[in-house]
Amino acid sequence: MSFYSNASDNMVVVMDCGDLETLYGAASETGYKKLMGVMEGLGEAI
């Protein structure tokens, strides 16, 4: 899985440790809302 973003205030990390694990966050509320618009509905929450 690849994820690309041109926003300078957010990040996404996808790790394959047997199962895929994802860490994501943003430096601002606006950046977080934009990121969540892309990330919502992907995968399963733990």
PDB file of N, CA and C in Angstrom:
ATOM      1  N   MET A   1       0.848  -1.167   0.000  1.00  0.00           N
ATOM      2  CA  MET A   1       0.000   0.000   0.000  1.00  0.00           C
ATOM      3  C   MET A   1       0.895   1.232   0.000  1.00  0.00           C
ATOM      4  N   SER A   2       0.596   2.178  -0.829  1.00  0.00           N
ATOM      5  CA  SER A   2       1.326   3.437  -0.859  1.00  0.00           C
ATOM      6  C   SER A   2       0.357   4.578  -0.631  1.00  0.00           C
ATOM      7  N   PHE A   3       0.811   5.576   0.068  1.00  0.00           N
ATOM      8  CA  PHE A   3      -0.007   6.758   0.320  1.00  0.00           C
ATOM      9  C   PHE A   3       0.883   7.968   0.149  1.00  0.00           C
ATOM     10  N   TYR A   4       0.428   8.896  -0.644  1.00  0.00           N
ATOM     11  CA  TYR A   4       1.194  10.113  -0.882  1.00  0.00           C
ATOM     12  C   TYR A   4       0.338  11.320  -0.539  1.00  0.00           C
ATOM     13  N   SER A   5       0.967  12.314   0.036  1.00  0.00           N
ATOM     14  CA  SER A   5       0.282  13.548   0.401  1.00  0.00           C
ATOM     15  C   SER A   5       1.219  14.706   0.130  1.00  0.00           C
ATOM     16  N   ASN A   6       0.687  15.796  -0.426  1.00  0.00           N
ATOM     17  CA  ASN A   6       1.528  16.963  -0.644  1.00  0.00           C
ATOM     18  C   ASN A   6       1.336  18.004   0.452  1.00  0.00           C
ATOM     19  N   ALA A   7       0.623  17.651   1.499  1.00  0.00           N
ATOM     20  CA  ALA A   7       0.426  18.562   2.621  1.00  0.00           C
ATOM     21  C   ALA A   7       1.670  18.550   3.505  1.00  0.00           C
ATOM     22  N   SER A   8       2.069  19.730   3.943  1.00  0.00           N
ATOM     23  CA  SER A   8       3.300  19.808   4.736  1.00  0.00           C
ATOM     24  C   SER A   8       3.057  19.592   6.229  1.00  0.00           C
ATOM     25  N   ASP A   9       1.792  19.498   6.661  1.00  0.00           N
ATOM     26  CA  ASP A   9       1.518  19.416   8.103  1.00  0.00           C
ATOM     27  C   ASP A   9       0.890  18.101   8.537  1.00  0.00           C
ATOM     28  N   ASN A  10       0.998  17.043   7.723  1.00  0.00           N
ATOM     29  CA  ASN A  10       0.492  15.751   8.174  1.00  0.00           C
ATOM     30  C   ASN A  10       1.396  14.631   7.694  1.00  0.00           C
ATOM     31  N   MET A  11       1.193  13.449   8.274  1.00  0.00           N
ATOM     32  CA  MET A  11       2.015  12.300   7.921  1.00  0.00           C
ATOM     33  C   MET A  11       1.202  11.020   8.057  1.00  0.00           C
ATOM     34  N   VAL A  12       1.629  10.010   7.313  1.00  0.00           N
ATOM     35  CA  VAL A  12       1.044   8.675   7.407  1.00  0.00           C
ATOM     36  C   VAL A  12       2.196   7.675   7.355  1.00  0.00           C
ATOM     37  N   VAL A  13       2.175   6.711   8.258  1.00  0.00           N
ATOM     38  CA  VAL A  13       3.166   5.632   8.272  1.00  0.00           C
ATOM     39  C   VAL A  13       2.401   4.319   8.190  1.00  0.00           C
ATOM     40  N   VAL A  14       2.760   3.467   7.244  1.00  0.00           N
ATOM     41  CA  VAL A  14       2.162   2.138   7.123  1.00  0.00           C
ATOM     42  C   VAL A  14       3.272   1.127   7.355  1.00  0.00           C
ATOM     43  N   MET A  15       3.109   0.282   8.382  1.00  0.00           N
ATOM     44  CA  MET A  15       4.118  -0.713   8.731  1.00  0.00           C
ATOM     45  C   MET A  15       3.558  -2.109   8.474  1.00  0.00           C
ATOM     46  N   ASP A  16       4.354  -2.946   7.871  1.00  0.00           N
ATOM     47  CA  ASP A  16       3.961  -4.334   7.638  1.00  0.00           C
ATOM     48  C   ASP A  16       4.755  -5.212   8.593  1.00  0.00           C
ATOM     49  N   CYS A  17       4.135  -5.555   9.720  1.00  0.00           N
ATOM     50  CA  CYS A  17       4.763  -6.405  10.744  1.00  0.00           C
ATOM     51  C   CYS A  17       3.973  -7.713  10.858  1.00  0.00           C
ATOM     52  N   GLY A  18       3.685  -8.315   9.721  1.00  0.00           N
ATOM     53  CA  GLY A  18       2.791  -9.467   9.706  1.00  0.00           C
ATOM     54  C   GLY A  18       1.382  -9.010   9.406  1.00  0.00           C
ATOM     55  N   ASP A  19       0.925  -8.028  10.139  1.00  0.00           N
ATOM     56  CA  ASP A  19      -0.331  -7.330   9.863  1.00  0.00           C
ATOM     57  C   ASP A  19       0.032  -5.891   9.543  1.00  0.00           C
ATOM     58  N   LEU A  20      -0.789  -5.235   8.741  1.00  0.00           N
ATOM     59  CA  LEU A  20      -0.527  -3.828   8.451  1.00  0.00           C
ATOM     60  C   LEU A  20      -0.968  -2.967   9.622  1.00  0.00           C
ATOM     61  N   GLU A  21      -0.115  -2.073  10.051  1.00  0.00           N
ATOM     62  CA  GLU A  21      -0.437  -1.117  11.104  1.00  0.00           C
ATOM     63  C   GLU A  21      -0.205   0.281  10.548  1.00  0.00           C
ATOM     64  N   THR A  22      -1.072   1.201  10.885  1.00  0.00           N
ATOM     65  CA  THR A  22      -0.992   2.551  10.360  1.00  0.00           C
ATOM     66  C   THR A  22      -0.985   3.559  11.492  1.00  0.00           C
ATOM     67  N   LEU A  23      -0.128   4.545  11.363  1.00  0.00           N
ATOM     68  CA  LEU A  23      -0.062   5.664  12.295  1.00  0.00           C
ATOM     69  C   LEU A  23      -0.203   6.926  11.466  1.00  0.00           C
ATOM     70  N   TYR A  24      -1.099   7.817  11.868  1.00  0.00           N
ATOM     71  CA  TYR A  24      -1.232   9.060  11.118  1.00  0.00           C
ATOM     72  C   TYR A  24      -1.573  10.200  12.067  1.00  0.00           C
ATOM     73  N   GLY A  25      -1.230  11.395  11.656  1.00  0.00           N
ATOM     74  CA  GLY A  25      -1.492  12.561  12.476  1.00  0.00           C
ATOM     75  C   GLY A  25      -1.214  13.832  11.697  1.00  0.00           C
ATOM     76  N   ALA A  26      -1.543  14.956  12.296  1.00  0.00           N
ATOM     77  CA  ALA A  26      -1.352  16.248  11.649  1.00  0.00           C
ATOM     78  C   ALA A  26      -0.959  17.288  12.686  1.00  0.00           C
ATOM     79  N   ALA A  27      -0.331  18.350  12.217  1.00  0.00           N
ATOM     80  CA  ALA A  27       0.128  19.418  13.094  1.00  0.00           C
ATOM     81  C   ALA A  27      -0.935  20.484  13.315  1.00  0.00           C
ATOM     82  N   SER A  28      -2.027  20.434  12.553  1.00  0.00           N
ATOM     83  CA  SER A  28      -3.095  21.423  12.713  1.00  0.00           C
ATOM     84  C   SER A  28      -4.449  20.741  12.565  1.00  0.00           C
ATOM     85  N   GLU A  29      -5.479  21.372  13.093  1.00  0.00           N
ATOM     86  CA  GLU A  29      -6.825  20.811  12.974  1.00  0.00           C
ATOM     87  C   GLU A  29      -7.269  20.755  11.516  1.00  0.00           C
ATOM     88  N   THR A  30      -6.912  21.773  10.742  1.00  0.00           N
ATOM     89  CA  THR A  30      -7.269  21.782   9.323  1.00  0.00           C
ATOM     90  C   THR A  30      -6.595  20.630   8.593  1.00  0.00           C
ATOM     91  N   GLY A  31      -5.295  20.423   8.869  1.00  0.00           N
ATOM     92  CA  GLY A  31      -4.579  19.314   8.260  1.00  0.00           C
ATOM     93  C   GLY A  31      -5.158  17.974   8.662  1.00  0.00           C
ATOM     94  N   TYR A  32      -5.567  17.853   9.922  1.00  0.00           N
ATOM     95  CA  TYR A  32      -6.162  16.610  10.404  1.00  0.00           C
ATOM     96  C   TYR A  32      -7.486  16.325   9.696  1.00  0.00           C
ATOM     97  N   LYS A  33      -8.312  17.343   9.532  1.00  0.00           N
ATOM     98  CA  LYS A  33      -9.598  17.158   8.857  1.00  0.00           C
ATOM     99  C   LYS A  33      -9.400  16.732   7.406  1.00  0.00           C
ATOM    100  N   LYS A  34      -8.436  17.321   6.726  1.00  0.00           N
ATOM    101  CA  LYS A  34      -8.148  16.927   5.345  1.00  0.00           C
ATOM    102  C   LYS A  34      -7.651  15.483   5.293  1.00  0.00           C
ATOM    103  N   LEU A  35      -6.767  15.128   6.219  1.00  0.00           N
ATOM    104  CA  LEU A  35      -6.240  13.775   6.269  1.00  0.00           C
ATOM    105  C   LEU A  35      -7.343  12.765   6.557  1.00  0.00           C
ATOM    106  N   MET A  36      -8.230  13.084   7.495  1.00  0.00           N
ATOM    107  CA  MET A  36      -9.325  12.171   7.832  1.00  0.00           C
ATOM    108  C   MET A  36     -10.273  11.984   6.658  1.00  0.00           C
ATOM    109  N   GLY A  37     -10.430  12.992   5.823  1.00  0.00           N
ATOM    110  CA  GLY A  37     -11.249  12.852   4.623  1.00  0.00           C
ATOM    111  C   GLY A  37     -10.727  11.774   3.696  1.00  0.00           C
ATOM    112  N   VAL A  38      -9.414  11.577   3.701  1.00  0.00           N
ATOM    113  CA  VAL A  38      -8.787  10.544   2.878  1.00  0.00           C
ATOM    114  C   VAL A  38      -8.756   9.205   3.606  1.00  0.00           C
ATOM    115  N   MET A  39      -8.449   9.225   4.911  1.00  0.00           N
ATOM    116  CA  MET A  39      -8.217   7.995   5.665  1.00  0.00           C
ATOM    117  C   MET A  39      -9.490   7.314   6.171  1.00  0.00           C
ATOM    118  N   GLU A  40     -10.578   8.052   6.347  1.00  0.00           N
ATOM    119  CA  GLU A  40     -11.809   7.452   6.882  1.00  0.00           C
ATOM    120  C   GLU A  40     -12.270   6.304   6.016  1.00  0.00           C
ATOM    121  N   GLY A  41     -12.641   5.230   6.653  1.00  0.00           N
ATOM    122  CA  GLY A  41     -13.171   4.072   5.938  1.00  0.00           C
ATOM    123  C   GLY A  41     -12.105   3.078   5.482  1.00  0.00           C
ATOM    124  N   LEU A  42     -10.834   3.403   5.677  1.00  0.00           N
ATOM    125  CA  LEU A  42      -9.773   2.471   5.320  1.00  0.00           C
ATOM    126  C   LEU A  42      -9.430   1.604   6.520  1.00  0.00           C
ATOM    127  N   GLY A  43      -9.382   0.334   6.348  1.00  0.00           N
ATOM    128  CA  GLY A  43      -8.974  -0.565   7.426  1.00  0.00           C
ATOM    129  C   GLY A  43      -9.993  -0.693   8.535  1.00  0.00           C
ATOM    130  N   GLU A  44      -9.531  -1.261   9.661  1.00  0.00           N
ATOM    131  CA  GLU A  44     -10.378  -1.499  10.833  1.00  0.00           C
ATOM    132  C   GLU A  44      -9.737  -0.840  12.044  1.00  0.00           C
ATOM    133  N   ALA A  45     -10.542  -0.184  12.837  1.00  0.00           N
ATOM    134  CA  ALA A  45     -10.031   0.427  14.061  1.00  0.00           C
ATOM    135  C   ALA A  45      -9.691  -0.659  15.085  1.00  0.00           C
ATOM    136  N   ILE A  46      -8.663  -0.393  15.910  1.00  0.00           N
ATOM    137  CA  ILE A  46      -8.320  -1.358  16.966  1.00  0.00           C
ATOM    138  C   ILE A  46      -8.548  -0.728  18.317  1.00  0.00           C
TER     139      ILE A  46
END
